[in-house]
Amino acid sequence: MRDGMMSSTRRLFADSKRPETERFHFVMDRHRAAVYASIDAIKVGISSLTTDRPDIGTLSVAAALEYVDFRWPDGCFAVSDDLRHWMAGMANRPAMLAMRYNLLPVRQI
């Protein structure tokens, strides 16, 4: 699930940066739907994702949700309050801090 979600988010983000005339909206719609479906599936299975001793699968789900927030800070992918609460429980874990997404500073030329 996480791998498919990340593939779709990367492709969707890259396609959104193309000029409007070079975008394939039907492909973007398919990737957008995959991200929504993944978020819904994560929400359904949230009770199985522990925060006390997370495994690599749990950490990758948390990283995928963080990536969605990083790439679309406008909240176009509505992450539920339950997932936000779970994400908050994961946010300060050493593994999550080490892989936090950050924008590079813009260099002035």
N, C-alpha and C. Protein backbone atom coordinates (compact mmCIF):
# COMPACT_ATOMS: atom_id res chain seq x y z
N MET A 1 0.83 -1.19 0.00
CA MET A 1 0.00 0.00 0.00
C MET A 1 0.87 1.26 0.00
N ARG A 2 1.84 1.31 0.89
CA ARG A 2 2.67 2.49 1.00
C ARG A 2 3.48 2.71 -0.27
N ASP A 3 4.01 1.63 -0.84
CA ASP A 3 4.80 1.78 -2.06
C ASP A 3 3.96 2.34 -3.20
N GLY A 4 2.75 1.83 -3.35
CA GLY A 4 1.86 2.34 -4.39
C GLY A 4 1.49 3.79 -4.15
N MET A 5 1.25 4.12 -2.89
CA MET A 5 0.92 5.51 -2.55
C MET A 5 2.08 6.44 -2.88
N MET A 6 3.30 6.02 -2.53
CA MET A 6 4.46 6.86 -2.81
C MET A 6 4.71 6.99 -4.31
N SER A 7 4.52 5.92 -5.04
CA SER A 7 4.68 6.00 -6.51
C SER A 7 3.69 6.99 -7.09
N SER A 8 2.46 6.91 -6.63
CA SER A 8 1.44 7.82 -7.15
C SER A 8 1.68 9.25 -6.74
N THR A 9 2.13 9.48 -5.51
CA THR A 9 2.37 10.86 -5.08
C THR A 9 3.53 11.47 -5.85
N ARG A 10 4.58 10.69 -6.06
CA ARG A 10 5.73 11.22 -6.82
C ARG A 10 5.33 11.55 -8.25
N ARG A 11 4.59 10.66 -8.88
CA ARG A 11 4.18 10.90 -10.27
C ARG A 11 3.22 12.08 -10.36
N LEU A 12 2.28 12.14 -9.43
CA LEU A 12 1.31 13.23 -9.42
C LEU A 12 2.01 14.57 -9.22
N PHE A 13 2.94 14.63 -8.29
CA PHE A 13 3.65 15.88 -8.05
C PHE A 13 4.47 16.28 -9.27
N ALA A 14 5.19 15.33 -9.86
CA ALA A 14 6.01 15.64 -11.03
C ALA A 14 5.14 16.12 -12.18
N ASP A 15 4.02 15.45 -12.41
CA ASP A 15 3.13 15.86 -13.51
C ASP A 15 2.52 17.23 -13.26
N SER A 16 2.28 17.56 -12.00
CA SER A 16 1.68 18.86 -11.69
C SER A 16 2.65 20.01 -11.98
N LYS A 17 3.93 19.72 -12.08
CA LYS A 17 4.93 20.74 -12.36
C LYS A 17 5.15 20.94 -13.86
N ARG A 18 4.56 20.09 -14.67
CA ARG A 18 4.67 20.25 -16.13
C ARG A 18 3.80 21.41 -16.58
N PRO A 19 4.11 21.98 -17.73
CA PRO A 19 3.20 22.98 -18.29
C PRO A 19 1.82 22.36 -18.52
N GLU A 20 0.80 23.15 -18.36
CA GLU A 20 -0.58 22.66 -18.48
C GLU A 20 -0.80 21.87 -19.77
N THR A 21 -0.22 22.31 -20.86
CA THR A 21 -0.43 21.65 -22.15
C THR A 21 0.26 20.29 -22.25
N GLU A 22 1.17 19.99 -21.30
CA GLU A 22 1.89 18.72 -21.33
C GLU A 22 1.42 17.74 -20.26
N ARG A 23 0.37 18.09 -19.55
CA ARG A 23 -0.15 17.22 -18.49
C ARG A 23 -1.14 16.22 -19.08
N PHE A 24 -1.12 15.03 -18.51
CA PHE A 24 -2.09 14.01 -18.86
C PHE A 24 -3.07 13.90 -17.69
N HIS A 25 -4.17 14.62 -17.79
CA HIS A 25 -5.09 14.72 -16.66
C HIS A 25 -5.72 13.39 -16.28
N PHE A 26 -5.95 12.51 -17.25
CA PHE A 26 -6.53 11.22 -16.90
C PHE A 26 -5.54 10.39 -16.07
N VAL A 27 -4.25 10.53 -16.33
CA VAL A 27 -3.23 9.84 -15.54
C VAL A 27 -3.14 10.48 -14.16
N MET A 28 -3.17 11.79 -14.12
CA MET A 28 -3.12 12.48 -12.83
C MET A 28 -4.34 12.12 -11.98
N ASP A 29 -5.51 12.02 -12.60
CA ASP A 29 -6.72 11.63 -11.87
C ASP A 29 -6.58 10.22 -11.30
N ARG A 30 -5.98 9.32 -12.06
CA ARG A 30 -5.78 7.95 -11.59
C ARG A 30 -4.83 7.92 -10.40
N HIS A 31 -3.75 8.69 -10.46
CA HIS A 31 -2.81 8.74 -9.33
C HIS A 31 -3.44 9.42 -8.11
N ARG A 32 -4.20 10.45 -8.34
CA ARG A 32 -4.90 11.13 -7.24
C ARG A 32 -5.85 10.15 -6.55
N ALA A 33 -6.58 9.38 -7.33
CA ALA A 33 -7.51 8.38 -6.77
C ALA A 33 -6.75 7.32 -5.97
N ALA A 34 -5.57 6.94 -6.45
CA ALA A 34 -4.77 5.95 -5.72
C ALA A 34 -4.31 6.49 -4.37
N VAL A 35 -3.96 7.77 -4.32
CA VAL A 35 -3.55 8.37 -3.05
C VAL A 35 -4.73 8.41 -2.08
N TYR A 36 -5.89 8.84 -2.58
CA TYR A 36 -7.09 8.84 -1.72
C TYR A 36 -7.40 7.45 -1.21
N ALA A 37 -7.33 6.45 -2.09
CA ALA A 37 -7.64 5.07 -1.68
C ALA A 37 -6.64 4.58 -0.63
N SER A 38 -5.38 4.94 -0.79
CA SER A 38 -4.36 4.55 0.19
C SER A 38 -4.62 5.19 1.54
N ILE A 39 -4.94 6.47 1.54
CA ILE A 39 -5.24 7.15 2.80
C ILE A 39 -6.45 6.51 3.47
N ASP A 40 -7.46 6.18 2.69
CA ASP A 40 -8.64 5.51 3.25
C ASP A 40 -8.28 4.15 3.84
N ALA A 41 -7.43 3.39 3.14
CA ALA A 41 -7.03 2.07 3.64
C ALA A 41 -6.20 2.19 4.92
N ILE A 42 -5.35 3.20 4.98
CA ILE A 42 -4.56 3.43 6.19
C ILE A 42 -5.50 3.76 7.35
N LYS A 43 -6.49 4.59 7.09
CA LYS A 43 -7.44 4.96 8.15
C LYS A 43 -8.16 3.73 8.69
N VAL A 44 -8.57 2.83 7.80
CA VAL A 44 -9.26 1.61 8.23
C VAL A 44 -8.34 0.74 9.09
N GLY A 45 -7.07 0.68 8.74
CA GLY A 45 -6.14 -0.18 9.47
C GLY A 45 -5.32 0.50 10.53
N ILE A 46 -5.68 1.72 10.89
CA ILE A 46 -4.87 2.50 11.81
C ILE A 46 -4.69 1.81 13.17
N SER A 47 -5.67 1.04 13.61
CA SER A 47 -5.56 0.39 14.92
C SER A 47 -4.45 -0.67 14.94
N SER A 48 -4.03 -1.16 13.79
CA SER A 48 -2.97 -2.17 13.75
C SER A 48 -1.58 -1.53 13.69
N LEU A 49 -1.51 -0.23 13.56
CA LEU A 49 -0.22 0.46 13.47
C LEU A 49 0.15 1.01 14.84
N THR A 50 1.09 0.35 15.49
CA THR A 50 1.46 0.76 16.84
C THR A 50 2.49 1.87 16.80
N THR A 51 2.47 2.71 17.81
CA THR A 51 3.45 3.78 17.90
C THR A 51 4.50 3.48 18.97
N ASP A 52 4.25 2.49 19.84
CA ASP A 52 5.22 2.22 20.91
C ASP A 52 6.46 1.50 20.40
N ARG A 53 6.32 0.57 19.48
CA ARG A 53 7.47 -0.13 18.88
C ARG A 53 7.19 -0.33 17.40
N PRO A 54 7.22 0.74 16.63
CA PRO A 54 6.87 0.62 15.21
C PRO A 54 7.90 -0.17 14.42
N ASP A 55 7.40 -0.97 13.48
CA ASP A 55 8.30 -1.68 12.58
C ASP A 55 8.49 -0.84 11.31
N ILE A 56 9.24 -1.37 10.37
CA ILE A 56 9.55 -0.61 9.16
C ILE A 56 8.29 -0.29 8.36
N GLY A 57 7.31 -1.18 8.38
CA GLY A 57 6.06 -0.92 7.68
C GLY A 57 5.30 0.25 8.27
N THR A 58 5.25 0.31 9.59
CA THR A 58 4.57 1.41 10.27
C THR A 58 5.29 2.72 10.02
N LEU A 59 6.61 2.69 10.09
CA LEU A 59 7.39 3.91 9.82
C LEU A 59 7.21 4.37 8.37
N SER A 60 7.11 3.43 7.45
CA SER A 60 6.95 3.83 6.05
C SER A 60 5.57 4.43 5.80
N VAL A 61 4.56 3.94 6.50
CA VAL A 61 3.22 4.54 6.38
C VAL A 61 3.26 5.96 6.92
N ALA A 62 3.90 6.15 8.07
CA ALA A 62 4.01 7.50 8.65
C ALA A 62 4.77 8.43 7.70
N ALA A 63 5.84 7.93 7.11
CA ALA A 63 6.62 8.75 6.17
C ALA A 63 5.80 9.10 4.94
N ALA A 64 5.00 8.16 4.46
CA ALA A 64 4.16 8.43 3.29
C ALA A 64 3.14 9.52 3.59
N LEU A 65 2.51 9.45 4.76
CA LEU A 65 1.54 10.49 5.14
C LEU A 65 2.23 11.84 5.31
N GLU A 66 3.42 11.84 5.89
CA GLU A 66 4.18 13.09 6.03
C GLU A 66 4.53 13.66 4.66
N TYR A 67 4.86 12.80 3.71
CA TYR A 67 5.21 13.25 2.37
C TYR A 67 4.01 13.91 1.69
N VAL A 68 2.83 13.34 1.88
CA VAL A 68 1.62 13.95 1.32
C VAL A 68 1.44 15.36 1.88
N ASP A 69 1.60 15.51 3.18
CA ASP A 69 1.48 16.84 3.79
C ASP A 69 2.58 17.79 3.30
N PHE A 70 3.77 17.25 3.09
CA PHE A 70 4.89 18.06 2.62
C PHE A 70 4.64 18.58 1.20
N ARG A 71 4.20 17.71 0.32
CA ARG A 71 4.00 18.09 -1.08
C ARG A 71 2.72 18.88 -1.32
N TRP A 72 1.70 18.65 -0.51
CA TRP A 72 0.43 19.36 -0.67
C TRP A 72 0.03 20.00 0.66
N PRO A 73 0.75 21.06 1.05
CA PRO A 73 0.45 21.70 2.34
C PRO A 73 -0.93 22.36 2.37
N ASP A 74 -1.54 22.52 1.20
CA ASP A 74 -2.87 23.11 1.16
C ASP A 74 -3.94 22.14 1.65
N GLY A 75 -3.56 20.89 1.92
CA GLY A 75 -4.50 19.92 2.46
C GLY A 75 -5.44 19.32 1.43
N CYS A 76 -5.08 19.31 0.17
CA CYS A 76 -5.98 18.77 -0.85
C CYS A 76 -6.26 17.28 -0.62
N PHE A 77 -5.35 16.59 0.03
CA PHE A 77 -5.62 15.21 0.43
C PHE A 77 -6.01 15.25 1.91
N ALA A 78 -7.28 15.18 2.15
CA ALA A 78 -7.80 15.32 3.51
C ALA A 78 -7.40 14.11 4.36
N VAL A 79 -6.53 14.35 5.30
CA VAL A 79 -6.12 13.32 6.24
C VAL A 79 -6.98 13.52 7.48
N SER A 80 -7.65 12.45 7.91
CA SER A 80 -8.61 12.54 9.01
C SER A 80 -7.94 12.93 10.33
N ASP A 81 -8.75 13.39 11.27
CA ASP A 81 -8.24 13.74 12.60
C ASP A 81 -7.62 12.52 13.28
N ASP A 82 -8.22 11.32 13.08
CA ASP A 82 -7.65 10.10 13.67
C ASP A 82 -6.23 9.86 13.15
N LEU A 83 -6.04 10.02 11.84
CA LEU A 83 -4.70 9.83 11.29
C LEU A 83 -3.76 10.92 11.75
N ARG A 84 -4.25 12.15 11.84
CA ARG A 84 -3.40 13.25 12.32
C ARG A 84 -2.94 12.99 13.76
N HIS A 85 -3.84 12.47 14.58
CA HIS A 85 -3.48 12.15 15.96
C HIS A 85 -2.41 11.05 15.98
N TRP A 86 -2.58 10.04 15.14
CA TRP A 86 -1.60 8.96 15.05
C TRP A 86 -0.26 9.50 14.55
N MET A 87 -0.31 10.35 13.53
CA MET A 87 0.91 10.95 12.99
C MET A 87 1.64 11.77 14.05
N ALA A 88 0.89 12.48 14.87
CA ALA A 88 1.50 13.28 15.94
C ALA A 88 2.25 12.37 16.93
N GLY A 89 1.69 11.18 17.18
CA GLY A 89 2.36 10.23 18.06
C GLY A 89 3.65 9.68 17.48
N MET A 90 3.76 9.71 16.17
CA MET A 90 4.94 9.20 15.49
C MET A 90 5.97 10.31 15.22
N ALA A 91 5.57 11.55 15.20
CA ALA A 91 6.38 12.66 14.68
C ALA A 91 7.73 12.84 15.37
N ASN A 92 7.81 12.60 16.66
CA ASN A 92 9.06 12.86 17.38
C ASN A 92 9.91 11.63 17.61
N ARG A 93 9.56 10.53 16.97
CA ARG A 93 10.39 9.34 17.06
C ARG A 93 11.71 9.62 16.30
N PRO A 94 12.81 9.10 16.78
CA PRO A 94 14.10 9.37 16.12
C PRO A 94 14.10 9.05 14.62
N ALA A 95 13.49 7.95 14.23
CA ALA A 95 13.47 7.60 12.80
C ALA A 95 12.69 8.62 11.99
N MET A 96 11.60 9.14 12.54
CA MET A 96 10.80 10.13 11.82
C MET A 96 11.54 11.47 11.75
N LEU A 97 12.21 11.85 12.82
CA LEU A 97 12.98 13.09 12.80
C LEU A 97 14.12 13.00 11.79
N ALA A 98 14.73 11.83 11.67
CA ALA A 98 15.86 11.66 10.76
C ALA A 98 15.44 11.72 9.29
N MET A 99 14.19 11.37 9.01
CA MET A 99 13.77 11.37 7.60
C MET A 99 12.73 12.44 7.29
N ARG A 100 12.65 13.45 8.13
CA ARG A 100 11.70 14.53 7.89
C ARG A 100 12.02 15.25 6.59
N TYR A 101 10.98 15.55 5.84
CA TYR A 101 11.15 16.26 4.58
C TYR A 101 11.34 17.74 4.85
N ASN A 102 12.32 18.32 4.19
CA ASN A 102 12.60 19.75 4.32
C ASN A 102 12.88 20.33 2.95
N LEU A 103 12.43 21.53 2.77
CA LEU A 103 12.77 22.25 1.54
C LEU A 103 14.16 22.82 1.68
N LEU A 104 14.92 22.76 0.62
CA LEU A 104 16.23 23.39 0.63
C LEU A 104 16.05 24.91 0.55
N PRO A 105 16.96 25.66 1.17
CA PRO A 105 16.84 27.11 1.07
C PRO A 105 17.00 27.56 -0.38
N VAL A 106 16.29 28.59 -0.71
CA VAL A 106 16.37 29.15 -2.06
C VAL A 106 17.61 30.03 -2.13
N ARG A 107 18.45 29.74 -3.12
CA ARG A 107 19.65 30.53 -3.29
C ARG A 107 19.35 31.74 -4.13
N GLN A 108 19.82 32.87 -3.68
CA GLN A 108 19.69 34.12 -4.43
C GLN A 108 20.89 34.25 -5.35
N ILE A 109 20.64 34.47 -6.62
CA ILE A 109 21.75 34.61 -7.56
C ILE A 109 21.88 36.06 -7.98
